[in-house]
Amino acid sequence: MAEIIIIEKQEIIKQKDNEITALQQNSQNLTKEKTELEEELAVKERIIEGTNNNIQEEKGKLENEISKLKEKNQIIEKDLIQAQEQIKANIEISQKQNDQLQKKIFKKQEKIRQKENEIEALQQNSQNLTKEKTELEEELDKKISELEIELVKKEKIIETANKETAH
């Protein structure tokens, strides 16, 4: 009976060890995924920053060219209007792209927060399982000690009985 309990307790401990291992692996995967998302987010932020700088530089250059062209020739005025419209269109396109990137960044940040929450939950679960495993091991050790004491007592009884039978 006691051996069955010990075997059952050992099986429970093995199951808990497997659960802990799975949770730790899942936690590592989530941490890796979080890191990848953070790196991707940083890259996209640099892209946005570079795009904004390029747009501002391009806008400044085009405006200078427009001023020079106005002074030189009124005929170029039509081309100037077209260039201004192009700049405006580029700015709008860039703004739309920036808005889309901002939305993507927000979604990635949400995913990061979700993954962080999942990691916290997994860590808490892992701690609980570790505590439960420790308690089961202590209970098993106590039971084994009790059985060993009982075994020693029974061996003494058998030894005494054997001595009495021998006489």
N, C-alpha and C. Protein backbone atom coordinates (compact mmCIF):
# COMPACT_ATOMS: atom_id res chain seq x y z
N MET A 1 0.83 -1.20 0.00
CA MET A 1 0.00 0.00 0.00
C MET A 1 0.87 1.26 0.00
N ALA A 2 1.87 1.25 0.89
CA ALA A 2 2.77 2.40 0.97
C ALA A 2 3.58 2.54 -0.31
N GLU A 3 3.96 1.42 -0.90
CA GLU A 3 4.72 1.47 -2.15
C GLU A 3 3.88 2.09 -3.27
N ILE A 4 2.61 1.77 -3.27
CA ILE A 4 1.71 2.33 -4.30
C ILE A 4 1.64 3.85 -4.13
N ILE A 5 1.52 4.29 -2.88
CA ILE A 5 1.45 5.73 -2.61
C ILE A 5 2.74 6.41 -3.07
N ILE A 6 3.86 5.75 -2.77
CA ILE A 6 5.15 6.32 -3.18
C ILE A 6 5.22 6.41 -4.69
N ILE A 7 4.82 5.34 -5.35
CA ILE A 7 4.85 5.33 -6.83
C ILE A 7 3.94 6.42 -7.39
N GLU A 8 2.75 6.55 -6.79
CA GLU A 8 1.82 7.59 -7.25
C GLU A 8 2.41 8.98 -7.05
N LYS A 9 3.02 9.17 -5.89
CA LYS A 9 3.64 10.47 -5.60
C LYS A 9 4.79 10.75 -6.58
N GLN A 10 5.57 9.71 -6.88
CA GLN A 10 6.67 9.88 -7.83
C GLN A 10 6.15 10.22 -9.22
N GLU A 11 5.04 9.60 -9.60
CA GLU A 11 4.45 9.89 -10.91
C GLU A 11 3.94 11.33 -10.95
N ILE A 12 3.33 11.75 -9.83
CA ILE A 12 2.84 13.14 -9.77
C ILE A 12 4.03 14.10 -9.89
N ILE A 13 5.11 13.77 -9.20
CA ILE A 13 6.31 14.63 -9.27
C ILE A 13 6.85 14.67 -10.70
N LYS A 14 6.88 13.52 -11.36
CA LYS A 14 7.33 13.50 -12.76
C LYS A 14 6.44 14.36 -13.64
N GLN A 15 5.13 14.25 -13.42
CA GLN A 15 4.19 15.06 -14.21
C GLN A 15 4.44 16.55 -13.97
N LYS A 16 4.62 16.88 -12.69
CA LYS A 16 4.85 18.30 -12.36
C LYS A 16 6.17 18.77 -12.96
N ASP A 17 7.20 17.92 -12.93
CA ASP A 17 8.47 18.27 -13.56
C ASP A 17 8.27 18.52 -15.05
N ASN A 18 7.51 17.66 -15.70
CA ASN A 18 7.23 17.83 -17.13
C ASN A 18 6.47 19.14 -17.39
N GLU A 19 5.50 19.42 -16.52
CA GLU A 19 4.75 20.67 -16.67
C GLU A 19 5.66 21.88 -16.50
N ILE A 20 6.53 21.79 -15.49
CA ILE A 20 7.46 22.90 -15.25
C ILE A 20 8.38 23.09 -16.45
N THR A 21 8.89 21.99 -16.97
CA THR A 21 9.77 22.06 -18.15
C THR A 21 9.04 22.69 -19.33
N ALA A 22 7.80 22.27 -19.54
CA ALA A 22 7.01 22.82 -20.65
C ALA A 22 6.77 24.31 -20.44
N LEU A 23 6.45 24.69 -19.20
CA LEU A 23 6.22 26.11 -18.91
C LEU A 23 7.50 26.93 -19.09
N GLN A 24 8.61 26.37 -18.66
CA GLN A 24 9.87 27.09 -18.83
C GLN A 24 10.20 27.25 -20.31
N GLN A 25 9.97 26.22 -21.09
CA GLN A 25 10.21 26.30 -22.54
C GLN A 25 9.30 27.35 -23.17
N ASN A 26 8.04 27.32 -22.76
CA ASN A 26 7.06 28.29 -23.28
C ASN A 26 7.48 29.71 -22.89
N SER A 27 7.95 29.85 -21.65
CA SER A 27 8.40 31.16 -21.18
C SER A 27 9.60 31.64 -21.99
N GLN A 28 10.54 30.73 -22.30
CA GLN A 28 11.70 31.09 -23.11
C GLN A 28 11.27 31.49 -24.51
N ASN A 29 10.32 30.75 -25.07
CA ASN A 29 9.83 31.08 -26.41
C ASN A 29 9.17 32.45 -26.42
N LEU A 30 8.37 32.72 -25.38
CA LEU A 30 7.69 34.02 -25.32
C LEU A 30 8.70 35.15 -25.14
N THR A 31 9.72 34.90 -24.33
CA THR A 31 10.75 35.92 -24.14
C THR A 31 11.48 36.18 -25.45
N LYS A 32 11.78 35.12 -26.19
CA LYS A 32 12.44 35.27 -27.49
C LYS A 32 11.53 36.04 -28.44
N GLU A 33 10.25 35.70 -28.45
CA GLU A 33 9.30 36.39 -29.34
C GLU A 33 9.19 37.86 -28.96
N LYS A 34 9.20 38.13 -27.65
CA LYS A 34 9.13 39.52 -27.18
C LYS A 34 10.35 40.29 -27.68
N THR A 35 11.54 39.68 -27.55
CA THR A 35 12.77 40.32 -28.00
C THR A 35 12.73 40.60 -29.49
N GLU A 36 12.24 39.63 -30.25
CA GLU A 36 12.13 39.82 -31.70
C GLU A 36 11.17 40.95 -32.04
N LEU A 37 10.05 41.01 -31.31
CA LEU A 37 9.08 42.08 -31.55
C LEU A 37 9.68 43.44 -31.19
N GLU A 38 10.43 43.48 -30.10
CA GLU A 38 11.06 44.74 -29.70
C GLU A 38 12.08 45.19 -30.74
N GLU A 39 12.86 44.23 -31.27
CA GLU A 39 13.84 44.57 -32.30
C GLU A 39 13.14 45.05 -33.57
N GLU A 40 12.08 44.37 -33.94
CA GLU A 40 11.32 44.78 -35.13
C GLU A 40 10.73 46.17 -34.93
N LEU A 41 10.25 46.43 -33.72
CA LEU A 41 9.69 47.74 -33.40
C LEU A 41 10.77 48.82 -33.51
N ALA A 42 11.96 48.54 -33.01
CA ALA A 42 13.06 49.51 -33.07
C ALA A 42 13.44 49.81 -34.52
N VAL A 43 13.47 48.78 -35.35
CA VAL A 43 13.80 48.97 -36.77
C VAL A 43 12.76 49.86 -37.43
N LYS A 44 11.51 49.58 -37.16
CA LYS A 44 10.44 50.37 -37.79
C LYS A 44 10.45 51.82 -37.30
N GLU A 45 10.80 52.02 -36.03
CA GLU A 45 10.90 53.38 -35.53
C GLU A 45 12.03 54.14 -36.23
N ARG A 46 13.16 53.44 -36.48
CA ARG A 46 14.27 54.08 -37.19
C ARG A 46 13.87 54.40 -38.63
N ILE A 47 13.10 53.52 -39.24
CA ILE A 47 12.63 53.76 -40.62
C ILE A 47 11.76 55.00 -40.65
N ILE A 48 10.85 55.11 -39.70
CA ILE A 48 9.96 56.29 -39.64
C ILE A 48 10.79 57.55 -39.46
N GLU A 49 11.75 57.49 -38.54
CA GLU A 49 12.58 58.67 -38.27
C GLU A 49 13.38 59.07 -39.52
N GLY A 50 13.96 58.08 -40.19
CA GLY A 50 14.72 58.37 -41.41
C GLY A 50 13.84 58.92 -42.51
N THR A 51 12.64 58.37 -42.65
CA THR A 51 11.70 58.83 -43.67
C THR A 51 11.32 60.29 -43.41
N ASN A 52 11.03 60.61 -42.16
CA ASN A 52 10.67 62.00 -41.82
C ASN A 52 11.81 62.96 -42.14
N ASN A 53 13.03 62.57 -41.80
CA ASN A 53 14.19 63.44 -42.09
C ASN A 53 14.37 63.63 -43.59
N ASN A 54 14.25 62.54 -44.34
CA ASN A 54 14.39 62.63 -45.80
C ASN A 54 13.31 63.51 -46.40
N ILE A 55 12.10 63.38 -45.92
CA ILE A 55 10.99 64.19 -46.44
C ILE A 55 11.25 65.67 -46.17
N GLN A 56 11.71 65.97 -44.97
CA GLN A 56 11.97 67.37 -44.62
C GLN A 56 13.10 67.94 -45.47
N GLU A 57 14.15 67.15 -45.67
CA GLU A 57 15.26 67.60 -46.52
C GLU A 57 14.79 67.82 -47.95
N GLU A 58 14.03 66.87 -48.46
CA GLU A 58 13.52 66.96 -49.83
C GLU A 58 12.62 68.19 -49.99
N LYS A 59 11.80 68.43 -49.00
CA LYS A 59 10.89 69.58 -49.06
C LYS A 59 11.69 70.89 -49.11
N GLY A 60 12.71 70.99 -48.26
CA GLY A 60 13.52 72.21 -48.24
C GLY A 60 14.23 72.45 -49.56
N LYS A 61 14.79 71.39 -50.13
CA LYS A 61 15.49 71.52 -51.42
C LYS A 61 14.54 71.96 -52.53
N LEU A 62 13.38 71.33 -52.58
CA LEU A 62 12.42 71.67 -53.63
C LEU A 62 11.91 73.11 -53.50
N GLU A 63 11.70 73.56 -52.30
CA GLU A 63 11.24 74.94 -52.10
C GLU A 63 12.29 75.95 -52.56
N ASN A 64 13.57 75.66 -52.31
CA ASN A 64 14.64 76.55 -52.80
C ASN A 64 14.67 76.59 -54.32
N GLU A 65 14.53 75.45 -54.93
CA GLU A 65 14.52 75.40 -56.39
C GLU A 65 13.34 76.19 -56.96
N ILE A 66 12.21 76.09 -56.31
CA ILE A 66 11.02 76.80 -56.77
C ILE A 66 11.25 78.32 -56.75
N SER A 67 11.87 78.79 -55.67
CA SER A 67 12.14 80.23 -55.56
C SER A 67 13.05 80.72 -56.69
N LYS A 68 14.10 79.95 -56.96
CA LYS A 68 15.02 80.33 -58.04
C LYS A 68 14.32 80.33 -59.40
N LEU A 69 13.48 79.31 -59.60
CA LEU A 69 12.78 79.21 -60.88
C LEU A 69 11.79 80.36 -61.08
N LYS A 70 11.15 80.81 -60.02
CA LYS A 70 10.21 81.94 -60.13
C LYS A 70 10.94 83.20 -60.58
N GLU A 71 12.12 83.44 -60.01
CA GLU A 71 12.89 84.63 -60.35
C GLU A 71 13.38 84.59 -61.80
N LYS A 72 13.73 83.45 -62.28
CA LYS A 72 14.27 83.33 -63.64
C LYS A 72 13.21 83.42 -64.71
N ASN A 73 12.10 82.77 -64.51
CA ASN A 73 11.19 82.67 -65.65
C ASN A 73 9.76 82.41 -65.19
N GLN A 74 8.81 83.15 -65.77
CA GLN A 74 7.41 82.94 -65.44
C GLN A 74 6.86 81.68 -66.11
N ILE A 75 7.47 81.28 -67.17
CA ILE A 75 7.03 80.08 -67.88
C ILE A 75 7.17 78.85 -66.98
N ILE A 76 8.20 78.86 -66.17
CA ILE A 76 8.46 77.72 -65.29
C ILE A 76 7.43 77.68 -64.16
N GLU A 77 6.64 78.72 -64.03
CA GLU A 77 5.65 78.79 -62.96
C GLU A 77 4.70 77.60 -62.99
N LYS A 78 4.32 77.14 -64.19
CA LYS A 78 3.45 75.98 -64.29
C LYS A 78 4.15 74.74 -63.71
N ASP A 79 5.42 74.60 -64.06
CA ASP A 79 6.19 73.47 -63.53
C ASP A 79 6.32 73.57 -62.01
N LEU A 80 6.45 74.81 -61.53
CA LEU A 80 6.55 75.05 -60.09
C LEU A 80 5.30 74.57 -59.38
N ILE A 81 4.16 74.90 -59.93
CA ILE A 81 2.89 74.49 -59.33
C ILE A 81 2.81 72.96 -59.28
N GLN A 82 3.23 72.34 -60.37
CA GLN A 82 3.22 70.87 -60.40
C GLN A 82 4.16 70.29 -59.34
N ALA A 83 5.33 70.92 -59.19
CA ALA A 83 6.29 70.44 -58.19
C ALA A 83 5.71 70.56 -56.78
N GLN A 84 5.03 71.69 -56.52
CA GLN A 84 4.41 71.88 -55.21
C GLN A 84 3.34 70.83 -54.95
N GLU A 85 2.57 70.55 -55.99
CA GLU A 85 1.54 69.53 -55.84
C GLU A 85 2.17 68.16 -55.57
N GLN A 86 3.29 67.92 -56.23
CA GLN A 86 3.98 66.64 -56.01
C GLN A 86 4.50 66.54 -54.58
N ILE A 87 5.06 67.65 -54.11
CA ILE A 87 5.55 67.67 -52.72
C ILE A 87 4.40 67.37 -51.76
N LYS A 88 3.29 68.05 -52.00
CA LYS A 88 2.13 67.84 -51.13
C LYS A 88 1.66 66.39 -51.19
N ALA A 89 1.63 65.84 -52.39
CA ALA A 89 1.22 64.43 -52.55
C ALA A 89 2.19 63.50 -51.82
N ASN A 90 3.49 63.80 -51.97
CA ASN A 90 4.50 62.99 -51.28
C ASN A 90 4.34 63.06 -49.77
N ILE A 91 4.09 64.27 -49.29
CA ILE A 91 3.89 64.44 -47.85
C ILE A 91 2.67 63.66 -47.39
N GLU A 92 1.59 63.74 -48.16
CA GLU A 92 0.38 63.00 -47.80
C GLU A 92 0.63 61.49 -47.82
N ILE A 93 1.33 61.04 -48.86
CA ILE A 93 1.65 59.62 -48.95
C ILE A 93 2.52 59.20 -47.76
N SER A 94 3.52 60.03 -47.49
CA SER A 94 4.41 59.72 -46.37
C SER A 94 3.65 59.74 -45.05
N GLN A 95 2.73 60.70 -44.93
CA GLN A 95 1.94 60.78 -43.70
C GLN A 95 1.07 59.53 -43.56
N LYS A 96 0.49 59.09 -44.67
CA LYS A 96 -0.31 57.86 -44.62
C LYS A 96 0.57 56.67 -44.23
N GLN A 97 1.76 56.63 -44.83
CA GLN A 97 2.68 55.54 -44.49
C GLN A 97 3.07 55.60 -43.02
N ASN A 98 3.34 56.82 -42.55
CA ASN A 98 3.69 57.00 -41.14
C ASN A 98 2.53 56.57 -40.24
N ASP A 99 1.32 56.95 -40.64
CA ASP A 99 0.14 56.56 -39.85
C ASP A 99 0.01 55.04 -39.80
N GLN A 100 0.23 54.40 -40.95
CA GLN A 100 0.16 52.94 -40.99
C GLN A 100 1.23 52.31 -40.11
N LEU A 101 2.44 52.87 -40.19
CA LEU A 101 3.52 52.34 -39.35
C LEU A 101 3.22 52.56 -37.87
N GLN A 102 2.64 53.72 -37.55
CA GLN A 102 2.27 53.98 -36.15
C GLN A 102 1.24 52.97 -35.67
N LYS A 103 0.28 52.65 -36.53
CA LYS A 103 -0.73 51.64 -36.16
C LYS A 103 -0.06 50.29 -35.94
N LYS A 104 0.87 49.94 -36.84
CA LYS A 104 1.58 48.67 -36.69
C LYS A 104 2.38 48.66 -35.39
N ILE A 105 3.03 49.78 -35.10
CA ILE A 105 3.81 49.88 -33.86
C ILE A 105 2.89 49.69 -32.67
N PHE A 106 1.73 50.33 -32.70
CA PHE A 106 0.78 50.20 -31.59
C PHE A 106 0.36 48.74 -31.42
N LYS A 107 0.07 48.07 -32.53
CA LYS A 107 -0.32 46.66 -32.46
C LYS A 107 0.82 45.81 -31.89
N LYS A 108 2.04 46.10 -32.33
CA LYS A 108 3.20 45.35 -31.83
C LYS A 108 3.38 45.59 -30.33
N GLN A 109 3.17 46.85 -29.90
CA GLN A 109 3.28 47.15 -28.48
C GLN A 109 2.21 46.40 -27.69
N GLU A 110 1.01 46.31 -28.24
CA GLU A 110 -0.06 45.56 -27.60
C GLU A 110 0.34 44.08 -27.48
N LYS A 111 0.91 43.55 -28.55
CA LYS A 111 1.35 42.15 -28.52
C LYS A 111 2.43 41.96 -27.45
N ILE A 112 3.34 42.93 -27.39
CA ILE A 112 4.40 42.85 -26.38
C ILE A 112 3.79 42.83 -24.98
N ARG A 113 2.83 43.73 -24.75
CA ARG A 113 2.17 43.76 -23.43
C ARG A 113 1.47 42.43 -23.15
N GLN A 114 0.80 41.89 -24.15
CA GLN A 114 0.13 40.60 -23.97
C GLN A 114 1.15 39.51 -23.63
N LYS A 115 2.25 39.51 -24.37
CA LYS A 115 3.27 38.49 -24.14
C LYS A 115 3.89 38.66 -22.75
N GLU A 116 4.08 39.91 -22.33
CA GLU A 116 4.61 40.14 -20.99
C GLU A 116 3.64 39.60 -19.94
N ASN A 117 2.35 39.84 -20.14
CA ASN A 117 1.34 39.32 -19.22
C ASN A 117 1.35 37.80 -19.22
N GLU A 118 1.49 37.20 -20.38
CA GLU A 118 1.55 35.75 -20.47
C GLU A 118 2.78 35.22 -19.75
N ILE A 119 3.90 35.92 -19.93
CA ILE A 119 5.13 35.51 -19.26
C ILE A 119 4.96 35.58 -17.75
N GLU A 120 4.36 36.66 -17.27
CA GLU A 120 4.13 36.79 -15.83
C GLU A 120 3.24 35.66 -15.32
N ALA A 121 2.18 35.36 -16.06
CA ALA A 121 1.28 34.28 -15.65
C ALA A 121 2.02 32.94 -15.65
N LEU A 122 2.83 32.71 -16.67
CA LEU A 122 3.59 31.46 -16.74
C LEU A 122 4.61 31.37 -15.60
N GLN A 123 5.24 32.49 -15.30
CA GLN A 123 6.21 32.48 -14.21
C GLN A 123 5.51 32.19 -12.88
N GLN A 124 4.34 32.80 -12.68
CA GLN A 124 3.59 32.55 -11.45
C GLN A 124 3.18 31.08 -11.39
N ASN A 125 2.70 30.56 -12.49
CA ASN A 125 2.29 29.15 -12.56
C ASN A 125 3.49 28.25 -12.29
N SER A 126 4.63 28.61 -12.85
CA SER A 126 5.85 27.83 -12.64
C SER A 126 6.24 27.84 -11.16
N GLN A 127 6.14 29.00 -10.53
CA GLN A 127 6.45 29.10 -9.10
C GLN A 127 5.50 28.23 -8.29
N ASN A 128 4.21 28.28 -8.64
CA ASN A 128 3.23 27.47 -7.92
C ASN A 128 3.53 25.98 -8.09
N LEU A 129 3.85 25.58 -9.31
CA LEU A 129 4.17 24.17 -9.56
C LEU A 129 5.44 23.76 -8.82
N THR A 130 6.42 24.63 -8.79
CA THR A 130 7.66 24.33 -8.08
C THR A 130 7.38 24.15 -6.59
N LYS A 131 6.55 25.03 -6.04
CA LYS A 131 6.18 24.93 -4.63
C LYS A 131 5.43 23.62 -4.38
N GLU A 132 4.49 23.31 -5.24
CA GLU A 132 3.72 22.07 -5.10
C GLU A 132 4.63 20.86 -5.21
N LYS A 133 5.60 20.90 -6.13
CA LYS A 133 6.55 19.80 -6.29
C LYS A 133 7.37 19.63 -5.02
N THR A 134 7.83 20.75 -4.47
CA THR A 134 8.63 20.70 -3.24
C THR A 134 7.82 20.09 -2.10
N GLU A 135 6.57 20.51 -1.98
CA GLU A 135 5.71 19.96 -0.93
C GLU A 135 5.51 18.45 -1.12
N LEU A 136 5.30 18.04 -2.36
CA LEU A 136 5.12 16.61 -2.64
C LEU A 136 6.40 15.83 -2.33
N GLU A 137 7.54 16.40 -2.67
CA GLU A 137 8.80 15.73 -2.37
C GLU A 137 9.00 15.60 -0.86
N GLU A 138 8.67 16.67 -0.13
CA GLU A 138 8.79 16.62 1.33
C GLU A 138 7.85 15.57 1.91
N GLU A 139 6.64 15.55 1.41
CA GLU A 139 5.66 14.55 1.86
C GLU A 139 6.16 13.14 1.55
N LEU A 140 6.72 12.95 0.36
CA LEU A 140 7.25 11.65 -0.03
C LEU A 140 8.43 11.26 0.85
N ASP A 141 9.33 12.19 1.11
CA ASP A 141 10.48 11.92 1.99
C ASP A 141 10.01 11.52 3.38
N LYS A 142 8.99 12.21 3.89
CA LYS A 142 8.44 11.91 5.21
C LYS A 142 7.86 10.50 5.22
N LYS A 143 7.11 10.17 4.18
CA LYS A 143 6.48 8.85 4.08
C LYS A 143 7.55 7.77 4.00
N ILE A 144 8.60 8.02 3.21
CA ILE A 144 9.69 7.04 3.08
C ILE A 144 10.37 6.83 4.43
N SER A 145 10.60 7.93 5.16
CA SER A 145 11.22 7.82 6.49
C SER A 145 10.35 6.99 7.42
N GLU A 146 9.05 7.25 7.39
CA GLU A 146 8.13 6.48 8.24
C GLU A 146 8.17 5.00 7.87
N LEU A 147 8.18 4.72 6.59
CA LEU A 147 8.22 3.32 6.14
C LEU A 147 9.54 2.66 6.51
N GLU A 148 10.64 3.41 6.43
CA GLU A 148 11.93 2.85 6.81
C GLU A 148 11.95 2.51 8.30
N ILE A 149 11.37 3.40 9.12
CA ILE A 149 11.30 3.15 10.57
C ILE A 149 10.45 1.90 10.83
N GLU A 150 9.32 1.84 10.15
CA GLU A 150 8.43 0.69 10.30
C GLU A 150 9.14 -0.59 9.85
N LEU A 151 9.90 -0.51 8.77
CA LEU A 151 10.63 -1.67 8.26
C LEU A 151 11.67 -2.13 9.28
N VAL A 152 12.39 -1.19 9.88
CA VAL A 152 13.40 -1.54 10.89
C VAL A 152 12.73 -2.23 12.08
N LYS A 153 11.57 -1.69 12.50
CA LYS A 153 10.85 -2.31 13.62
C LYS A 153 10.45 -3.74 13.27
N LYS A 154 9.92 -3.93 12.08
CA LYS A 154 9.48 -5.27 11.68
C LYS A 154 10.67 -6.22 11.55
N GLU A 155 11.81 -5.71 11.06
CA GLU A 155 13.00 -6.55 10.97
C GLU A 155 13.46 -6.99 12.36
N LYS A 156 13.36 -6.08 13.33
CA LYS A 156 13.74 -6.43 14.71
C LYS A 156 12.80 -7.49 15.27
N ILE A 157 11.50 -7.32 14.97
CA ILE A 157 10.52 -8.30 15.45
C ILE A 157 10.82 -9.66 14.83
N ILE A 158 11.10 -9.68 13.54
CA ILE A 158 11.41 -10.94 12.84
C ILE A 158 12.70 -11.53 13.40
N GLU A 159 13.68 -10.68 13.64
CA GLU A 159 14.96 -11.15 14.19
C GLU A 159 14.76 -11.77 15.57
N THR A 160 13.94 -11.09 16.39
CA THR A 160 13.65 -11.59 17.74
C THR A 160 12.90 -12.91 17.64
N ALA A 161 11.93 -12.98 16.74
CA ALA A 161 11.15 -14.21 16.57
C ALA A 161 12.05 -15.33 16.08
N ASN A 162 12.96 -15.03 15.18
CA ASN A 162 13.89 -16.05 14.67
C ASN A 162 14.81 -16.56 15.78
N LYS A 163 15.25 -15.65 16.65
CA LYS A 163 16.11 -16.04 17.77
C LYS A 163 15.34 -16.95 18.73
N GLU A 164 14.08 -16.58 19.00
CA GLU A 164 13.26 -17.38 19.92
C GLU A 164 12.97 -18.74 19.30
N THR A 165 12.76 -18.79 18.04
CA THR A 165 12.48 -20.04 17.35
C THR A 165 13.74 -20.92 17.33
N ALA A 166 14.88 -20.31 17.23
CA ALA A 166 16.14 -21.04 17.18
C ALA A 166 16.45 -21.69 18.52
N HIS A 167 15.99 -21.14 19.61
CA HIS A 167 16.29 -21.67 20.95
C HIS A 167 15.36 -22.74 21.25
